[in-house]
Amino acid sequence: MKTMLVFLILPSILMAASFTDDFDGYSPGEDLGDSIYWLRLDTGGNLVAADDGGNGIVETVWGSRKYLAYACLGGLVCSDGVIRSDIKFNGAGAIVGLLARMNPVTGDCYIGGIYRLYGSIGATVIAYVNATGDFTILTNDFFYPLNEDTWYDVAFEVTGSSPAILKVSVNGTVNSNIQDNTYDLAIGAAGLGGNFETAAPMFYLDNFCITDYNQATANTTFGRIKSIFSE
C-alpha cells in the first residue's frame, strides 16, 4: 500500500461528536472516492458500494493493482481517538487496515489491521507505514477464529505521545497492543487501507466510524483538494 498525500483544503464544516458512514446512501457500483467524505486518486484498488440484503456496504475491486488507500475527509484531523469498522472476508490473503495519524504531506501513518491466514486462523497487526508505503511491523498477533463471510467489529485506538499507545480490538476485546516511542506520530488524518500478496480475495466494510476523544470531528464539504498517491 502506497500512501502519499498533499492536501489544500477550504472546508465548510458541520461539527459532530463523531463521523460515521454506513454506506447506505451510495448506489451499487459507486466508487467510495466519489463521496464528499472520502479521497482517492485514480490508482490502486477500489472500494465500491454493494447491496448486502438491503443494507449498503462497500467491497474491494482490486483490478491490476494490489493495494488501495482512502483518506476519510469526514474526520480529517484526529489526535487521540478510535477508528472502527465492521469487516468481513471472502477468501484469505488480504489485509484490511484502519489508518490513523496520517501525515497530510508525507502520507506516513499508523495502520491497525486484520487479515485471514488460512481456514479460520487470522491475525491482527499494528504497523508504521513510511512515506514510500513500506511497512514496519510493530506487533502481529494471531486471532482465532476468523471465519469467512462473518462480520467482525474491528477498532484501532490511538492515544498519547512519547509513547503513542496503539490497540487493535476485535468485537470489543483487545487482540494487539503496543507502545511506540520510535515514530511517535502525534496527529493526522484517518482512513482505510489494504493490500494482498497472491490471490485477490474480497473484503467488505460497513459502519465506518471515527471518534476523537479531544475534539469534534467534521462532516465536511471541501472546496479545493490537491492530493497525490504514489505507487
Protein backbone atom coordinates (compact mmCIF):
# COMPACT_ATOMS: atom_id res chain seq x y z
CA MET A 1 0.00 0.00 0.00
CA LYS A 2 1.38 3.38 -1.02
CA THR A 3 0.05 6.50 0.67
CA MET A 4 1.49 9.89 -0.12
CA LEU A 5 -0.94 12.78 0.31
CA VAL A 6 -0.86 16.54 -0.14
CA PHE A 7 -3.99 18.46 0.93
CA LEU A 8 -5.08 22.02 0.17
CA ILE A 9 -8.44 22.46 1.84
CA LEU A 10 -11.12 25.14 2.13
CA PRO A 11 -13.79 23.48 4.29
CA SER A 12 -17.40 24.23 5.13
CA ILE A 13 -17.83 22.39 8.41
CA LEU A 14 -20.69 20.92 10.42
CA MET A 15 -19.22 19.73 13.72
CA ALA A 16 -20.27 16.37 15.11
CA ALA A 17 -19.35 14.18 18.08
CA SER A 18 -18.08 11.52 15.70
CA PHE A 19 -18.00 10.79 11.99
CA THR A 20 -19.90 7.76 10.72
CA ASP A 21 -20.57 6.34 7.27
CA ASP A 22 -22.88 3.33 6.91
CA PHE A 23 -22.70 3.48 3.07
CA ASP A 24 -26.49 3.19 2.82
CA GLY A 25 -26.72 6.34 0.72
CA TYR A 26 -24.50 5.07 -2.12
CA SER A 27 -25.69 3.48 -5.36
CA PRO A 28 -24.45 -0.07 -6.06
CA GLY A 29 -21.19 0.12 -8.01
CA GLU A 30 -20.41 3.69 -6.91
CA ASP A 31 -16.74 4.22 -6.00
CA LEU A 32 -16.29 5.32 -2.41
CA GLY A 33 -13.97 8.03 -3.72
CA ASP A 34 -16.95 9.70 -5.41
CA SER A 35 -18.30 10.62 -1.97
CA ILE A 36 -17.54 14.02 -0.44
CA TYR A 37 -16.32 12.16 2.64
CA TRP A 38 -13.55 10.10 1.01
CA LEU A 39 -10.43 10.88 -1.03
CA ARG A 40 -8.76 8.60 -3.54
CA LEU A 41 -6.83 9.22 -6.74
CA ASP A 42 -7.40 7.02 -9.79
CA THR A 43 -4.76 4.44 -8.93
CA GLY A 44 -4.64 1.25 -6.89
CA GLY A 45 -7.69 -0.81 -5.96
CA ASN A 46 -11.22 0.46 -5.48
CA LEU A 47 -13.88 0.29 -2.80
CA VAL A 48 -17.32 0.21 -4.42
CA ALA A 49 -20.82 0.21 -2.96
CA ALA A 50 -22.78 -3.03 -2.85
CA ASP A 51 -26.18 -4.18 -1.59
CA ASP A 52 -25.98 -6.71 1.23
CA GLY A 53 -29.62 -7.75 1.50
CA GLY A 54 -30.94 -4.20 1.62
CA ASN A 55 -28.00 -2.90 3.65
CA GLY A 56 -25.38 -0.68 1.99
CA ILE A 57 -21.77 -1.90 2.29
CA VAL A 58 -18.56 -1.46 0.30
CA GLU A 59 -16.47 -4.20 -1.27
CA THR A 60 -13.00 -4.35 -2.80
CA VAL A 61 -12.30 -4.37 -6.52
CA TRP A 62 -8.58 -4.92 -6.96
CA GLY A 63 -8.17 -4.81 -10.75
CA SER A 64 -4.48 -4.99 -11.66
CA ARG A 65 -3.31 -3.17 -8.51
CA LYS A 66 -2.59 -4.91 -5.23
CA TYR A 67 -3.16 -2.04 -2.83
CA LEU A 68 -5.72 0.62 -2.03
CA ALA A 69 -5.86 3.65 0.26
CA TYR A 70 -8.61 6.13 1.08
CA ALA A 71 -8.41 9.14 3.39
CA CYS A 72 -11.60 9.93 5.30
CA LEU A 73 -12.40 13.60 4.77
CA GLY A 74 -15.27 13.46 7.26
CA GLY A 75 -12.82 13.11 10.15
CA LEU A 76 -9.75 14.65 8.59
CA VAL A 77 -7.72 15.53 11.68
CA CYS A 78 -7.68 13.06 14.55
CA SER A 79 -5.37 13.06 17.58
CA ASP A 80 -6.49 10.72 20.39
CA GLY A 81 -9.37 8.50 19.38
CA VAL A 82 -10.64 5.30 17.84
CA ILE A 83 -11.33 4.29 14.24
CA ARG A 84 -13.61 1.32 13.73
CA SER A 85 -15.43 -0.60 11.02
CA ASP A 86 -17.38 -3.81 10.58
CA ILE A 87 -15.26 -6.08 8.37
CA LYS A 88 -15.79 -9.45 6.70
CA PHE A 89 -13.73 -11.53 4.26
CA ASN A 90 -14.33 -13.80 1.30
CA GLY A 91 -11.07 -15.68 0.88
CA ALA A 92 -7.73 -15.32 2.65
CA GLY A 93 -4.65 -13.23 1.98
CA ALA A 94 -5.81 -9.62 2.03
CA ILE A 95 -5.26 -7.22 4.90
CA VAL A 96 -7.77 -4.52 5.89
CA GLY A 97 -6.13 -1.61 7.67
CA LEU A 98 -7.56 1.32 9.60
CA LEU A 99 -5.24 4.31 9.09
CA ALA A 100 -4.50 6.77 11.90
CA ARG A 101 -2.46 9.96 12.35
CA MET A 102 -1.65 10.09 8.62
CA ASN A 103 0.69 12.97 7.84
CA PRO A 104 -1.07 15.15 5.22
CA VAL A 105 2.21 15.94 3.43
CA THR A 106 4.26 12.73 3.56
CA GLY A 107 1.48 10.14 3.98
CA ASP A 108 3.27 8.24 6.76
CA CYS A 109 0.84 6.82 9.31
CA TYR A 110 -0.06 4.08 11.74
CA ILE A 111 -2.16 1.17 10.50
CA GLY A 112 -4.16 -1.26 12.60
CA GLY A 113 -5.30 -4.21 10.56
CA ILE A 114 -6.78 -7.68 10.41
CA TYR A 115 -6.46 -10.50 7.87
CA ARG A 116 -7.30 -14.17 7.29
CA LEU A 117 -4.34 -16.51 7.03
CA TYR A 118 -5.81 -19.95 6.40
CA GLY A 119 -9.13 -21.55 7.27
CA SER A 120 -10.35 -19.89 10.44
CA ILE A 121 -6.89 -18.70 11.50
CA GLY A 122 -6.42 -14.95 11.27
CA ALA A 123 -4.19 -12.26 12.67
CA THR A 124 -4.22 -8.65 13.77
CA VAL A 125 -1.35 -6.32 13.03
CA ILE A 126 -0.17 -2.84 14.03
CA ALA A 127 2.41 -1.19 11.80
CA TYR A 128 4.04 2.08 10.84
CA VAL A 129 3.85 2.97 7.14
CA ASN A 130 6.51 5.36 5.85
CA ALA A 131 6.29 7.98 3.11
CA THR A 132 7.16 5.44 0.37
CA GLY A 133 4.49 2.99 1.56
CA ASP A 134 6.80 0.45 3.21
CA PHE A 135 5.59 -1.28 6.40
CA THR A 136 7.41 -1.63 9.69
CA ILE A 137 5.50 -4.21 11.75
CA LEU A 138 5.21 -3.12 15.39
CA THR A 139 3.23 -6.16 16.54
CA ASN A 140 1.48 -9.10 14.86
CA ASP A 141 -0.82 -11.45 16.81
CA PHE A 142 -2.92 -14.48 15.93
CA PHE A 143 -6.71 -14.16 16.07
CA TYR A 144 -8.97 -17.24 16.18
CA PRO A 145 -11.49 -17.93 14.83
CA LEU A 146 -11.67 -15.53 11.88
CA ASN A 147 -14.25 -17.07 9.60
CA GLU A 148 -15.23 -16.28 6.03
CA ASP A 149 -18.48 -14.37 5.43
CA THR A 150 -18.73 -13.32 9.10
CA TRP A 151 -18.84 -9.71 10.24
CA TYR A 152 -16.29 -8.57 12.85
CA ASP A 153 -16.22 -5.23 14.65
CA VAL A 154 -12.59 -4.08 14.32
CA ALA A 155 -11.34 -0.98 16.16
CA PHE A 156 -7.97 0.79 16.11
CA GLU A 157 -7.42 3.05 19.12
CA VAL A 158 -4.53 5.53 19.12
CA THR A 159 -3.82 7.68 22.17
CA GLY A 160 -0.97 9.59 23.74
CA SER A 161 2.51 10.52 22.60
CA SER A 162 6.01 9.66 23.81
CA PRO A 163 4.89 6.89 23.70
CA ALA A 164 1.93 6.58 21.35
CA ILE A 165 -0.34 3.78 22.64
CA LEU A 166 -1.82 1.64 19.86
CA LYS A 167 -4.52 -1.04 20.26
CA VAL A 168 -6.47 -3.22 17.82
CA SER A 169 -9.67 -4.75 19.20
CA VAL A 170 -11.97 -7.33 17.63
CA ASN A 171 -15.56 -7.50 18.86
CA GLY A 172 -14.63 -5.34 21.83
CA THR A 173 -11.61 -7.34 23.02
CA VAL A 174 -8.04 -6.06 22.59
CA ASN A 175 -6.05 -8.51 20.44
CA SER A 176 -2.93 -6.43 19.64
CA ASN A 177 -1.37 -3.57 21.57
CA ILE A 178 1.97 -1.78 21.52
CA GLN A 179 3.62 1.42 22.73
CA ASP A 180 5.60 3.33 20.12
CA ASN A 181 8.41 5.74 21.02
CA THR A 182 10.25 5.37 17.70
CA TYR A 183 7.92 7.05 15.21
CA ASP A 184 5.60 8.69 17.76
CA LEU A 185 3.15 10.20 15.27
CA ALA A 186 1.06 12.85 17.03
CA ILE A 187 -1.89 13.92 14.85
CA GLY A 188 -3.20 13.43 11.34
CA ALA A 189 -5.85 12.04 9.03
CA ALA A 190 -7.73 8.76 9.36
CA GLY A 191 -8.82 6.37 6.66
CA LEU A 192 -8.78 2.88 5.18
CA GLY A 193 -6.07 0.86 3.51
CA GLY A 194 -5.45 -2.63 2.27
CA ASN A 195 -3.33 -4.88 0.10
CA PHE A 196 -2.85 -8.50 -0.89
CA GLU A 197 0.11 -10.63 -1.90
CA THR A 198 -1.04 -13.52 -4.10
CA ALA A 199 -4.68 -14.21 -4.99
CA ALA A 200 -7.22 -11.38 -4.93
CA PRO A 201 -9.58 -12.11 -2.03
CA MET A 202 -12.51 -9.82 -1.30
CA PHE A 203 -13.14 -7.91 1.87
CA TYR A 204 -16.22 -5.92 2.81
CA LEU A 205 -16.76 -2.92 5.09
CA ASP A 206 -19.73 -1.39 6.87
CA ASN A 207 -20.41 1.18 9.60
CA PHE A 208 -17.10 3.07 9.45
CA CYS A 209 -16.73 5.42 12.42
CA ILE A 210 -14.16 7.87 13.82
CA THR A 211 -14.43 9.15 17.38
CA ASP A 212 -11.89 11.73 18.53
CA TYR A 213 -11.52 11.95 22.30
CA ASN A 214 -10.24 15.53 22.28
CA GLN A 215 -12.26 17.37 19.65
CA ALA A 216 -15.34 17.06 17.48
CA THR A 217 -14.88 15.53 14.06
CA ALA A 218 -16.25 17.27 11.00
CA ASN A 219 -18.84 16.33 8.42
CA THR A 220 -17.22 18.42 5.72
CA THR A 221 -17.70 19.60 2.18
CA PHE A 222 -14.35 20.65 0.72
CA GLY A 223 -13.84 23.45 -1.76
CA ARG A 224 -10.34 22.56 -3.02
CA ILE A 225 -8.34 19.40 -2.61
CA LYS A 226 -4.96 18.56 -4.10
CA SER A 227 -3.75 15.02 -3.47
CA ILE A 228 -1.04 12.67 -4.60
CA PHE A 229 -0.95 8.91 -4.09
CA SER A 230 2.33 7.41 -5.30
CA GLU A 231 2.89 3.76 -6.10
